[in-house]
């Protein structure tokens, strides 16, 4: 994607990602139709909104788990078939600030 930089390091999301230059929007690329919820691990930010790039459809999301300084897991409801692109579907995850990731020890 034009105007983006490297996204999440390995272990935070299963699949490619990029990040807006202002580091406030994370883009998750899905090459196949998701069969279950999409997850992102280790986000320290609150998520303002998740939407399908192109259609603008907003997707429900929630965070579960987490303990002390270890953040929970972000779960995103998969887009409907009508919102899927035949080549690659991109989800825009709008954050409450610049991307901050948990990189400590322990499970996330």
PDB file of N, CA and C in Angstrom:
ATOM      1  N   UNK A   1       0.851  -1.177   0.000  1.00  0.00           N
ATOM      2  CA  UNK A   1       0.000   0.000   0.000  1.00  0.00           C
ATOM      3  C   UNK A   1       0.894   1.237   0.000  1.00  0.00           C
ATOM      4  N   UNK A   2       0.516   2.190  -0.790  1.00  0.00           N
ATOM      5  CA  UNK A   2       1.281   3.431  -0.876  1.00  0.00           C
ATOM      6  C   UNK A   2       1.116   4.242   0.412  1.00  0.00           C
ATOM      7  N   UNK A   3       2.167   4.929   0.798  1.00  0.00           N
ATOM      8  CA  UNK A   3       2.100   5.810   1.951  1.00  0.00           C
ATOM      9  C   UNK A   3       2.099   5.108   3.288  1.00  0.00           C
ATOM     10  N   UNK A   4       2.551   3.852   3.313  1.00  0.00           N
ATOM     11  CA  UNK A   4       2.600   3.121   4.577  1.00  0.00           C
ATOM     12  C   UNK A   4       4.031   2.655   4.852  1.00  0.00           C
ATOM     13  N   UNK A   5       4.239   2.209   6.061  1.00  0.00           N
ATOM     14  CA  UNK A   5       5.543   1.691   6.479  1.00  0.00           C
ATOM     15  C   UNK A   5       5.351   0.265   6.993  1.00  0.00           C
ATOM     16  N   UNK A   6       6.454  -0.360   7.374  1.00  0.00           N
ATOM     17  CA  UNK A   6       6.418  -1.727   7.887  1.00  0.00           C
ATOM     18  C   UNK A   6       5.404  -1.848   9.019  1.00  0.00           C
ATOM     19  N   UNK A   7       4.688  -2.961   9.034  1.00  0.00           N
ATOM     20  CA  UNK A   7       3.653  -3.179  10.038  1.00  0.00           C
ATOM     21  C   UNK A   7       4.144  -3.938  11.250  1.00  0.00           C
ATOM     22  N   UNK A   8       3.363  -4.896  11.671  1.00  0.00           N
ATOM     23  CA  UNK A   8       3.633  -5.642  12.899  1.00  0.00           C
ATOM     24  C   UNK A   8       4.770  -6.640  12.734  1.00  0.00           C
ATOM     25  N   UNK A   9       5.586  -6.792  13.778  1.00  0.00           N
ATOM     26  CA  UNK A   9       6.605  -7.840  13.748  1.00  0.00           C
ATOM     27  C   UNK A   9       5.941  -9.219  13.869  1.00  0.00           C
ATOM     28  N   UNK A  10       6.671 -10.274  13.521  1.00  0.00           N
ATOM     29  CA  UNK A  10       6.103 -11.626  13.627  1.00  0.00           C
ATOM     30  C   UNK A  10       5.557 -11.907  15.036  1.00  0.00           C
ATOM     31  N   UNK A  11       4.475 -12.680  15.070  1.00  0.00           N
ATOM     32  CA  UNK A  11       3.888 -13.092  16.340  1.00  0.00           C
ATOM     33  C   UNK A  11       2.711 -12.253  16.800  1.00  0.00           C
ATOM     34  N   UNK A  12       2.471 -11.127  16.142  1.00  0.00           N
ATOM     35  CA  UNK A  12       1.372 -10.257  16.561  1.00  0.00           C
ATOM     36  C   UNK A  12       0.103 -10.461  15.731  1.00  0.00           C
ATOM     37  N   UNK A  13       0.274 -10.914  14.490  1.00  0.00           N
ATOM     38  CA  UNK A  13      -0.870 -11.144  13.605  1.00  0.00           C
ATOM     39  C   UNK A  13      -0.455 -12.180  12.578  1.00  0.00           C
ATOM     40  N   UNK A  14      -1.369 -13.073  12.250  1.00  0.00           N
ATOM     41  CA  UNK A  14      -1.081 -14.080  11.239  1.00  0.00           C
ATOM     42  C   UNK A  14      -1.402 -13.493   9.875  1.00  0.00           C
ATOM     43  N   UNK A  15      -0.411 -12.956   9.222  1.00  0.00           N
ATOM     44  CA  UNK A  15      -0.587 -12.368   7.907  1.00  0.00           C
ATOM     45  C   UNK A  15       0.151 -11.044   7.807  1.00  0.00           C
ATOM     46  N   UNK A  16       0.220 -10.498   6.591  1.00  0.00           N
ATOM     47  CA  UNK A  16       0.935  -9.241   6.399  1.00  0.00           C
ATOM     48  C   UNK A  16       0.167  -8.048   6.949  1.00  0.00           C
ATOM     49  N   UNK A  17       0.932  -7.031   7.310  1.00  0.00           N
ATOM     50  CA  UNK A  17       0.330  -5.789   7.795  1.00  0.00           C
ATOM     51  C   UNK A  17       1.237  -4.625   7.419  1.00  0.00           C
ATOM     52  N   UNK A  18       0.653  -3.449   7.351  1.00  0.00           N
ATOM     53  CA  UNK A  18       1.401  -2.213   7.166  1.00  0.00           C
ATOM     54  C   UNK A  18       0.833  -1.194   8.144  1.00  0.00           C
ATOM     55  N   UNK A  19       1.509  -0.060   8.248  1.00  0.00           N
ATOM     56  CA  UNK A  19       1.140   0.964   9.219  1.00  0.00           C
ATOM     57  C   UNK A  19       1.175   2.314   8.521  1.00  0.00           C
ATOM     58  N   UNK A  20       0.193   3.166   8.804  1.00  0.00           N
ATOM     59  CA  UNK A  20       0.200   4.507   8.222  1.00  0.00           C
ATOM     60  C   UNK A  20       1.430   5.262   8.715  1.00  0.00           C
ATOM     61  N   UNK A  21       1.868   6.237   7.945  1.00  0.00           N
ATOM     62  CA  UNK A  21       3.071   6.988   8.323  1.00  0.00           C
ATOM     63  C   UNK A  21       2.927   7.683   9.668  1.00  0.00           C
ATOM     64  N   UNK A  22       1.694   8.086  10.044  1.00  0.00           N
ATOM     65  CA  UNK A  22       1.505   8.719  11.355  1.00  0.00           C
ATOM     66  C   UNK A  22       1.388   7.678  12.478  1.00  0.00           C
ATOM     67  N   UNK A  23       1.484   6.382  12.128  1.00  0.00           N
ATOM     68  CA  UNK A  23       1.480   5.260  13.065  1.00  0.00           C
ATOM     69  C   UNK A  23       0.167   5.130  13.850  1.00  0.00           C
ATOM     70  N   UNK A  24      -0.933   5.657  13.311  1.00  0.00           N
ATOM     71  CA  UNK A  24      -2.223   5.616  14.010  1.00  0.00           C
ATOM     72  C   UNK A  24      -3.232   4.673  13.365  1.00  0.00           C
ATOM     73  N   UNK A  25      -2.909   4.121  12.189  1.00  0.00           N
ATOM     74  CA  UNK A  25      -3.800   3.170  11.528  1.00  0.00           C
ATOM     75  C   UNK A  25      -2.988   1.967  11.089  1.00  0.00           C
ATOM     76  N   UNK A  26      -3.430   0.804  11.528  1.00  0.00           N
ATOM     77  CA  UNK A  26      -2.798  -0.458  11.185  1.00  0.00           C
ATOM     78  C   UNK A  26      -3.646  -1.104  10.094  1.00  0.00           C
ATOM     79  N   UNK A  27      -3.001  -1.572   9.032  1.00  0.00           N
ATOM     80  CA  UNK A  27      -3.709  -2.215   7.929  1.00  0.00           C
ATOM     81  C   UNK A  27      -3.363  -3.703   7.911  1.00  0.00           C
ATOM     82  N   UNK A  28      -4.386  -4.535   8.036  1.00  0.00           N
ATOM     83  CA  UNK A  28      -4.216  -5.990   8.016  1.00  0.00           C
ATOM     84  C   UNK A  28      -4.681  -6.511   6.667  1.00  0.00           C
ATOM     85  N   UNK A  29      -3.840  -7.283   5.979  1.00  0.00           N
ATOM     86  CA  UNK A  29      -4.188  -7.812   4.662  1.00  0.00           C
ATOM     87  C   UNK A  29      -4.603  -9.271   4.788  1.00  0.00           C
ATOM     88  N   UNK A  30      -5.767  -9.573   4.214  1.00  0.00           N
ATOM     89  CA  UNK A  30      -6.306 -10.939   4.222  1.00  0.00           C
ATOM     90  C   UNK A  30      -6.365 -11.424   2.779  1.00  0.00           C
ATOM     91  N   UNK A  31      -5.611 -12.470   2.445  1.00  0.00           N
ATOM     92  CA  UNK A  31      -5.611 -12.991   1.083  1.00  0.00           C
ATOM     93  C   UNK A  31      -6.694 -14.038   0.864  1.00  0.00           C
ATOM     94  N   UNK A  32      -7.177 -14.629   1.925  1.00  0.00           N
ATOM     95  CA  UNK A  32      -8.247 -15.623   1.838  1.00  0.00           C
ATOM     96  C   UNK A  32      -9.433 -15.149   2.668  1.00  0.00           C
ATOM     97  N   UNK A  33     -10.593 -15.708   2.380  1.00  0.00           N
ATOM     98  CA  UNK A  33     -11.771 -15.398   3.186  1.00  0.00           C
ATOM     99  C   UNK A  33     -11.555 -15.958   4.588  1.00  0.00           C
ATOM    100  N   UNK A  34     -11.667 -15.135   5.629  1.00  0.00           N
ATOM    101  CA  UNK A  34     -11.459 -15.630   6.991  1.00  0.00           C
ATOM    102  C   UNK A  34     -12.535 -16.636   7.388  1.00  0.00           C
ATOM    103  N   UNK A  35     -12.111 -17.678   8.076  1.00  0.00           N
ATOM    104  CA  UNK A  35     -13.036 -18.710   8.540  1.00  0.00           C
ATOM    105  C   UNK A  35     -13.409 -18.523   9.994  1.00  0.00           C
ATOM    106  N   UNK A  36     -12.742 -17.593  10.652  1.00  0.00           N
ATOM    107  CA  UNK A  36     -12.982 -17.324  12.070  1.00  0.00           C
ATOM    108  C   UNK A  36     -12.579 -15.886  12.337  1.00  0.00           C
ATOM    109  N   UNK A  37     -12.731 -15.466  13.593  1.00  0.00           N
ATOM    110  CA  UNK A  37     -12.345 -14.111  13.952  1.00  0.00           C
ATOM    111  C   UNK A  37     -10.860 -13.879  13.671  1.00  0.00           C
ATOM    112  N   UNK A  38     -10.527 -12.648  13.337  1.00  0.00           N
ATOM    113  CA  UNK A  38      -9.153 -12.238  13.082  1.00  0.00           C
ATOM    114  C   UNK A  38      -8.610 -11.691  14.394  1.00  0.00           C
ATOM    115  N   UNK A  39      -7.368 -12.060  14.752  1.00  0.00           N
ATOM    116  CA  UNK A  39      -6.842 -11.555  16.011  1.00  0.00           C
ATOM    117  C   UNK A  39      -5.525 -10.821  15.834  1.00  0.00           C
ATOM    118  N   UNK A  40      -5.303  -9.897  16.753  1.00  0.00           N
ATOM    119  CA  UNK A  40      -4.049  -9.148  16.839  1.00  0.00           C
ATOM    120  C   UNK A  40      -3.618  -9.217  18.300  1.00  0.00           C
ATOM    121  N   UNK A  41      -2.367  -9.582  18.527  1.00  0.00           N
ATOM    122  CA  UNK A  41      -1.840  -9.748  19.880  1.00  0.00           C
ATOM    123  C   UNK A  41      -0.876  -8.621  20.217  1.00  0.00           C
ATOM    124  N   UNK A  42      -0.865  -8.245  21.467  1.00  0.00           N
ATOM    125  CA  UNK A  42       0.148  -7.321  21.956  1.00  0.00           C
ATOM    126  C   UNK A  42      -0.103  -5.844  21.744  1.00  0.00           C
ATOM    127  N   UNK A  43      -1.311  -5.456  21.324  1.00  0.00           N
ATOM    128  CA  UNK A  43      -1.608  -4.026  21.149  1.00  0.00           C
ATOM    129  C   UNK A  43      -1.796  -3.369  22.515  1.00  0.00           C
ATOM    130  N   UNK A  44      -1.040  -2.341  22.775  1.00  0.00           N
ATOM    131  CA  UNK A  44      -1.233  -1.577  24.009  1.00  0.00           C
ATOM    132  C   UNK A  44      -2.239  -0.444  23.811  1.00  0.00           C
ATOM    133  N   UNK A  45      -2.527  -0.109  22.564  1.00  0.00           N
ATOM    134  CA  UNK A  45      -3.486   0.957  22.245  1.00  0.00           C
ATOM    135  C   UNK A  45      -4.922   0.479  22.376  1.00  0.00           C
ATOM    136  N   UNK A  46      -5.821   1.430  22.633  1.00  0.00           N
ATOM    137  CA  UNK A  46      -7.244   1.165  22.463  1.00  0.00           C
ATOM    138  C   UNK A  46      -7.542   1.293  20.973  1.00  0.00           C
ATOM    139  N   UNK A  47      -8.518   0.517  20.503  1.00  0.00           N
ATOM    140  CA  UNK A  47      -8.916   0.558  19.099  1.00  0.00           C
ATOM    141  C   UNK A  47     -10.162   1.418  18.983  1.00  0.00           C
ATOM    142  N   UNK A  48     -10.099   2.428  18.138  1.00  0.00           N
ATOM    143  CA  UNK A  48     -11.237   3.325  17.942  1.00  0.00           C
ATOM    144  C   UNK A  48     -12.256   2.734  16.975  1.00  0.00           C
ATOM    145  N   UNK A  49     -11.754   2.079  15.911  1.00  0.00           N
ATOM    146  CA  UNK A  49     -12.649   1.592  14.868  1.00  0.00           C
ATOM    147  C   UNK A  49     -11.897   0.586  14.012  1.00  0.00           C
ATOM    148  N   UNK A  50     -12.625  -0.416  13.499  1.00  0.00           N
ATOM    149  CA  UNK A  50     -12.084  -1.355  12.519  1.00  0.00           C
ATOM    150  C   UNK A  50     -13.032  -1.342  11.334  1.00  0.00           C
ATOM    151  N   UNK A  51     -12.496  -1.155  10.135  1.00  0.00           N
ATOM    152  CA  UNK A  51     -13.345  -1.116   8.948  1.00  0.00           C
ATOM    153  C   UNK A  51     -12.663  -1.808   7.773  1.00  0.00           C
ATOM    154  N   UNK A  52     -13.470  -2.159   6.773  1.00  0.00           N
ATOM    155  CA  UNK A  52     -12.967  -2.774   5.547  1.00  0.00           C
ATOM    156  C   UNK A  52     -12.586  -1.648   4.600  1.00  0.00           C
ATOM    157  N   UNK A  53     -11.328  -1.629   4.194  1.00  0.00           N
ATOM    158  CA  UNK A  53     -10.868  -0.601   3.267  1.00  0.00           C
ATOM    159  C   UNK A  53     -11.570  -0.812   1.930  1.00  0.00           C
ATOM    160  N   UNK A  54     -12.072   0.228   1.362  1.00  0.00           N
ATOM    161  CA  UNK A  54     -12.797   0.130   0.096  1.00  0.00           C
ATOM    162  C   UNK A  54     -14.292   0.274   0.310  1.00  0.00           C
ATOM    163  N   UNK A  55     -14.889  -0.608   1.102  1.00  0.00           N
ATOM    164  CA  UNK A  55     -16.333  -0.522   1.339  1.00  0.00           C
ATOM    165  C   UNK A  55     -16.660   0.387   2.513  1.00  0.00           C
ATOM    166  N   UNK A  56     -15.728   0.513   3.463  1.00  0.00           N
ATOM    167  CA  UNK A  56     -15.978   1.333   4.648  1.00  0.00           C
ATOM    168  C   UNK A  56     -16.814   0.657   5.710  1.00  0.00           C
ATOM    169  N   UNK A  57     -17.203  -0.593   5.469  1.00  0.00           N
ATOM    170  CA  UNK A  57     -18.024  -1.321   6.439  1.00  0.00           C
ATOM    171  C   UNK A  57     -17.279  -1.448   7.766  1.00  0.00           C
ATOM    172  N   UNK A  58     -17.933  -1.029   8.834  1.00  0.00           N
ATOM    173  CA  UNK A  58     -17.332  -1.130  10.164  1.00  0.00           C
ATOM    174  C   UNK A  58     -17.529  -2.543  10.700  1.00  0.00           C
ATOM    175  N   UNK A  59     -16.489  -3.075  11.323  1.00  0.00           N
ATOM    176  CA  UNK A  59     -16.537  -4.429  11.861  1.00  0.00           C
ATOM    177  C   UNK A  59     -16.513  -4.407  13.380  1.00  0.00           C
ATOM    178  N   UNK A  60     -17.358  -5.221  14.009  1.00  0.00           N
ATOM    179  CA  UNK A  60     -17.318  -5.334  15.469  1.00  0.00           C
ATOM    180  C   UNK A  60     -15.978  -5.909  15.916  1.00  0.00           C
ATOM    181  N   UNK A  61     -15.534  -5.474  17.094  1.00  0.00           N
ATOM    182  CA  UNK A  61     -14.278  -5.975  17.641  1.00  0.00           C
ATOM    183  C   UNK A  61     -14.353  -5.907  19.164  1.00  0.00           C
ATOM    184  N   UNK A  62     -13.514  -6.710  19.806  1.00  0.00           N
ATOM    185  CA  UNK A  62     -13.433  -6.699  21.268  1.00  0.00           C
ATOM    186  C   UNK A  62     -12.057  -7.188  21.687  1.00  0.00           C
ATOM    187  N   UNK A  63     -11.684  -6.858  22.906  1.00  0.00           N
ATOM    188  CA  UNK A  63     -10.427  -7.322  23.478  1.00  0.00           C
ATOM    189  C   UNK A  63     -10.764  -8.256  24.633  1.00  0.00           C
ATOM    190  N   UNK A  64     -10.114  -9.419  24.638  1.00  0.00           N
ATOM    191  CA  UNK A  64     -10.318 -10.360  25.738  1.00  0.00           C
ATOM    192  C   UNK A  64      -8.970 -10.694  26.359  1.00  0.00           C
ATOM    193  N   UNK A  65      -9.001 -11.052  27.621  1.00  0.00           N
ATOM    194  CA  UNK A  65      -7.799 -11.454  28.327  1.00  0.00           C
ATOM    195  C   UNK A  65      -6.953 -10.274  28.758  1.00  0.00           C
ATOM    196  N   UNK A  66      -5.706 -10.545  29.018  1.00  0.00           N
ATOM    197  CA  UNK A  66      -4.784  -9.520  29.508  1.00  0.00           C
ATOM    198  C   UNK A  66      -4.686  -9.586  31.018  1.00  0.00           C
ATOM    199  N   UNK A  67      -3.504  -9.289  31.518  1.00  0.00           N
ATOM    200  CA  UNK A  67      -3.281  -9.303  32.953  1.00  0.00           C
ATOM    201  C   UNK A  67      -2.106  -8.393  33.268  1.00  0.00           C
ATOM    202  N   UNK A  68      -2.328  -7.466  34.172  1.00  0.00           N
ATOM    203  CA  UNK A  68      -1.308  -6.486  34.569  1.00  0.00           C
ATOM    204  C   UNK A  68      -0.812  -5.739  33.339  1.00  0.00           C
ATOM    205  N   UNK A  69       0.499  -5.811  33.036  1.00  0.00           N
ATOM    206  CA  UNK A  69       1.030  -5.057  31.896  1.00  0.00           C
ATOM    207  C   UNK A  69       0.863  -5.800  30.568  1.00  0.00           C
ATOM    208  N   UNK A  70       0.463  -7.066  30.618  1.00  0.00           N
ATOM    209  CA  UNK A  70       0.278  -7.849  29.400  1.00  0.00           C
ATOM    210  C   UNK A  70      -1.112  -7.562  28.830  1.00  0.00           C
ATOM    211  N   UNK A  71      -1.173  -7.043  27.594  1.00  0.00           N
ATOM    212  CA  UNK A  71      -2.474  -6.697  27.018  1.00  0.00           C
ATOM    213  C   UNK A  71      -3.258  -7.933  26.578  1.00  0.00           C
ATOM    214  N   UNK A  72      -4.545  -7.759  26.405  1.00  0.00           N
ATOM    215  CA  UNK A  72      -5.394  -8.820  25.897  1.00  0.00           C
ATOM    216  C   UNK A  72      -5.232  -8.967  24.391  1.00  0.00           C
ATOM    217  N   UNK A  73      -6.058  -9.806  23.813  1.00  0.00           N
ATOM    218  CA  UNK A  73      -6.034 -10.062  22.375  1.00  0.00           C
ATOM    219  C   UNK A  73      -7.212  -9.345  21.737  1.00  0.00           C
ATOM    220  N   UNK A  74      -6.936  -8.622  20.644  1.00  0.00           N
ATOM    221  CA  UNK A  74      -7.981  -7.966  19.860  1.00  0.00           C
ATOM    222  C   UNK A  74      -8.594  -8.998  18.927  1.00  0.00           C
ATOM    223  N   UNK A  75      -9.909  -9.157  19.006  1.00  0.00           N
ATOM    224  CA  UNK A  75     -10.651 -10.071  18.131  1.00  0.00           C
ATOM    225  C   UNK A  75     -11.550  -9.240  17.226  1.00  0.00           C
ATOM    226  N   UNK A  76     -11.458  -9.476  15.917  1.00  0.00           N
ATOM    227  CA  UNK A  76     -12.228  -8.734  14.922  1.00  0.00           C
ATOM    228  C   UNK A  76     -13.168  -9.701  14.216  1.00  0.00           C
ATOM    229  N   UNK A  77     -14.448  -9.337  14.161  1.00  0.00           N
ATOM    230  CA  UNK A  77     -15.423 -10.146  13.434  1.00  0.00           C
ATOM    231  C   UNK A  77     -15.086 -10.093  11.947  1.00  0.00           C
ATOM    232  N   UNK A  78     -15.059 -11.246  11.268  1.00  0.00           N
ATOM    233  CA  UNK A  78     -14.707 -11.239   9.843  1.00  0.00           C
ATOM    234  C   UNK A  78     -15.712 -10.468   9.000  1.00  0.00           C
ATOM    235  N   UNK A  79     -15.253  -9.884   7.897  1.00  0.00           N
ATOM    236  CA  UNK A  79     -16.172  -9.177   7.013  1.00  0.00           C
ATOM    237  C   UNK A  79     -17.124 -10.152   6.317  1.00  0.00           C
ATOM    238  N   UNK A  80     -18.277  -9.641   5.940  1.00  0.00           N
ATOM    239  CA  UNK A  80     -19.254 -10.434   5.183  1.00  0.00           C
ATOM    240  C   UNK A  80     -18.699 -10.704   3.786  1.00  0.00           C
ATOM    241  N   UNK A  81     -19.214 -11.732   3.143  1.00  0.00           N
ATOM    242  CA  UNK A  81     -18.754 -12.108   1.801  1.00  0.00           C
ATOM    243  C   UNK A  81     -18.823 -10.935   0.824  1.00  0.00           C
ATOM    244  N   UNK A  82     -19.841 -10.092   0.962  1.00  0.00           N
ATOM    245  CA  UNK A  82     -20.005  -8.945   0.051  1.00  0.00           C
ATOM    246  C   UNK A  82     -18.879  -7.919   0.201  1.00  0.00           C
ATOM    247  N   UNK A  83     -18.191  -7.906   1.348  1.00  0.00           N
ATOM    248  CA  UNK A  83     -17.104  -6.947   1.593  1.00  0.00           C
ATOM    249  C   UNK A  83     -15.723  -7.504   1.257  1.00  0.00           C
ATOM    250  N   UNK A  84     -15.661  -8.773   0.857  1.00  0.00           N
ATOM    251  CA  UNK A  84     -14.367  -9.382   0.548  1.00  0.00           C
ATOM    252  C   UNK A  84     -13.933  -9.033  -0.872  1.00  0.00           C
ATOM    253  N   UNK A  85     -12.669  -8.720  -1.015  1.00  0.00           N
ATOM    254  CA  UNK A  85     -12.089  -8.459  -2.324  1.00  0.00           C
ATOM    255  C   UNK A  85     -11.593  -9.803  -2.882  1.00  0.00           C
ATOM    256  N   UNK A  86     -11.748 -10.062  -4.175  1.00  0.00           N
ATOM    257  CA  UNK A  86     -11.325 -11.367  -4.702  1.00  0.00           C
ATOM    258  C   UNK A  86      -9.811 -11.602  -4.634  1.00  0.00           C
ATOM    259  N   UNK A  87      -9.032 -10.536  -4.505  1.00  0.00           N
ATOM    260  CA  UNK A  87      -7.571 -10.685  -4.473  1.00  0.00           C
ATOM    261  C   UNK A  87      -6.998 -10.507  -3.066  1.00  0.00           C
ATOM    262  N   UNK A  88      -7.390  -9.440  -2.393  1.00  0.00           N
ATOM    263  CA  UNK A  88      -6.896  -9.174  -1.039  1.00  0.00           C
ATOM    264  C   UNK A  88      -7.824  -8.177  -0.368  1.00  0.00           C
ATOM    265  N   UNK A  89      -8.289  -8.526   0.812  1.00  0.00           N
ATOM    266  CA  UNK A  89      -9.140  -7.638   1.607  1.00  0.00           C
ATOM    267  C   UNK A  89      -8.258  -6.981   2.659  1.00  0.00           C
ATOM    268  N   UNK A  90      -8.407  -5.667   2.809  1.00  0.00           N
ATOM    269  CA  UNK A  90      -7.592  -4.939   3.780  1.00  0.00           C
ATOM    270  C   UNK A  90      -8.502  -4.364   4.856  1.00  0.00           C
ATOM    271  N   UNK A  91      -8.139  -4.613   6.128  1.00  0.00           N
ATOM    272  CA  UNK A  91      -8.871  -4.063   7.261  1.00  0.00           C
ATOM    273  C   UNK A  91      -8.064  -2.903   7.829  1.00  0.00           C
ATOM    274  N   UNK A  92      -8.732  -1.794   8.089  1.00  0.00           N
ATOM    275  CA  UNK A  92      -8.096  -0.627   8.707  1.00  0.00           C
ATOM    276  C   UNK A  92      -8.446  -0.628  10.190  1.00  0.00           C
ATOM    277  N   UNK A  93      -7.421  -0.728  11.033  1.00  0.00           N
ATOM    278  CA  UNK A  93      -7.590  -0.728  12.486  1.00  0.00           C
ATOM    279  C   UNK A  93      -7.123   0.642  12.976  1.00  0.00           C
ATOM    280  N   UNK A  94      -8.078   1.496  13.329  1.00  0.00           N
ATOM    281  CA  UNK A  94      -7.758   2.858  13.776  1.00  0.00           C
ATOM    282  C   UNK A  94      -7.482   2.846  15.272  1.00  0.00           C
ATOM    283  N   UNK A  95      -6.297   3.340  15.648  1.00  0.00           N
ATOM    284  CA  UNK A  95      -5.840   3.310  17.035  1.00  0.00           C
ATOM    285  C   UNK A  95      -6.052   4.660  17.709  1.00  0.00           C
ATOM    286  N   UNK A  96      -6.031   4.666  19.043  1.00  0.00           N
ATOM    287  CA  UNK A  96      -6.241   5.906  19.803  1.00  0.00           C
ATOM    288  C   UNK A  96      -4.991   6.780  19.867  1.00  0.00           C
ATOM    289  N   UNK A  97      -3.917   6.338  19.295  1.00  0.00           N
ATOM    290  CA  UNK A  97      -2.658   7.088  19.266  1.00  0.00           C
ATOM    291  C   UNK A  97      -1.678   6.334  18.393  1.00  0.00           C
ATOM    292  N   UNK A  98      -0.406   6.691  18.488  1.00  0.00           N
ATOM    293  CA  UNK A  98       0.607   5.976  17.722  1.00  0.00           C
ATOM    294  C   UNK A  98       0.741   4.550  18.231  1.00  0.00           C
ATOM    295  N   UNK A  99       0.957   3.615  17.316  1.00  0.00           N
ATOM    296  CA  UNK A  99       1.052   2.198  17.650  1.00  0.00           C
ATOM    297  C   UNK A  99       2.051   1.949  18.775  1.00  0.00           C
ATOM    298  N   UNK A 100       1.598   1.235  19.790  1.00  0.00           N
ATOM    299  CA  UNK A 100       2.451   0.779  20.879  1.00  0.00           C
ATOM    300  C   UNK A 100       2.219  -0.713  21.032  1.00  0.00           C
ATOM    301  N   UNK A 101       3.315  -1.469  21.062  1.00  0.00           N
ATOM    302  CA  UNK A 101       3.226  -2.918  21.173  1.00  0.00           C
ATOM    303  C   UNK A 101       3.878  -3.424  22.443  1.00  0.00           C
ATOM    304  N   UNK A 102       3.287  -4.453  23.002  1.00  0.00           N
ATOM    305  CA  UNK A 102       3.872  -5.163  24.127  1.00  0.00           C
ATOM    306  C   UNK A 102       4.951  -6.076  23.562  1.00  0.00           C
ATOM    307  N   UNK A 103       6.161  -5.952  24.048  1.00  0.00           N
ATOM    308  CA  UNK A 103       7.273  -6.767  23.568  1.00  0.00           C
ATOM    309  C   UNK A 103       7.951  -7.499  24.728  1.00  0.00           C
ATOM    310  N   UNK A 104       7.297  -7.540  25.875  1.00  0.00           N
ATOM    311  CA  UNK A 104       7.880  -8.191  27.037  1.00  0.00           C
ATOM    312  C   UNK A 104       7.779  -9.695  26.973  1.00  0.00           C
ATOM    313  N   UNK A 105       8.283 -10.345  28.009  1.00  0.00           N
ATOM    314  CA  UNK A 105       8.208 -11.779  28.112  1.00  0.00           C
ATOM    315  C   UNK A 105       6.803 -12.212  28.474  1.00  0.00           C
ATOM    316  N   UNK A 106       6.575 -13.481  28.408  1.00  0.00           N
ATOM    317  CA  UNK A 106       5.254 -13.987  28.762  1.00  0.00           C
ATOM    318  C   UNK A 106       4.375 -14.130  27.538  1.00  0.00           C
ATOM    319  N   UNK A 107       3.235 -14.688  27.731  1.00  0.00           N
ATOM    320  CA  UNK A 107       2.308 -14.942  26.633  1.00  0.00           C
ATOM    321  C   UNK A 107       1.462 -13.713  26.362  1.00  0.00           C
ATOM    322  N   UNK A 108       1.211 -13.478  25.105  1.00  0.00           N
ATOM    323  CA  UNK A 108       0.273 -12.426  24.680  1.00  0.00           C
ATOM    324  C   UNK A 108      -0.484 -12.891  23.488  1.00  0.00           C
TER     325      UNK A 108
END
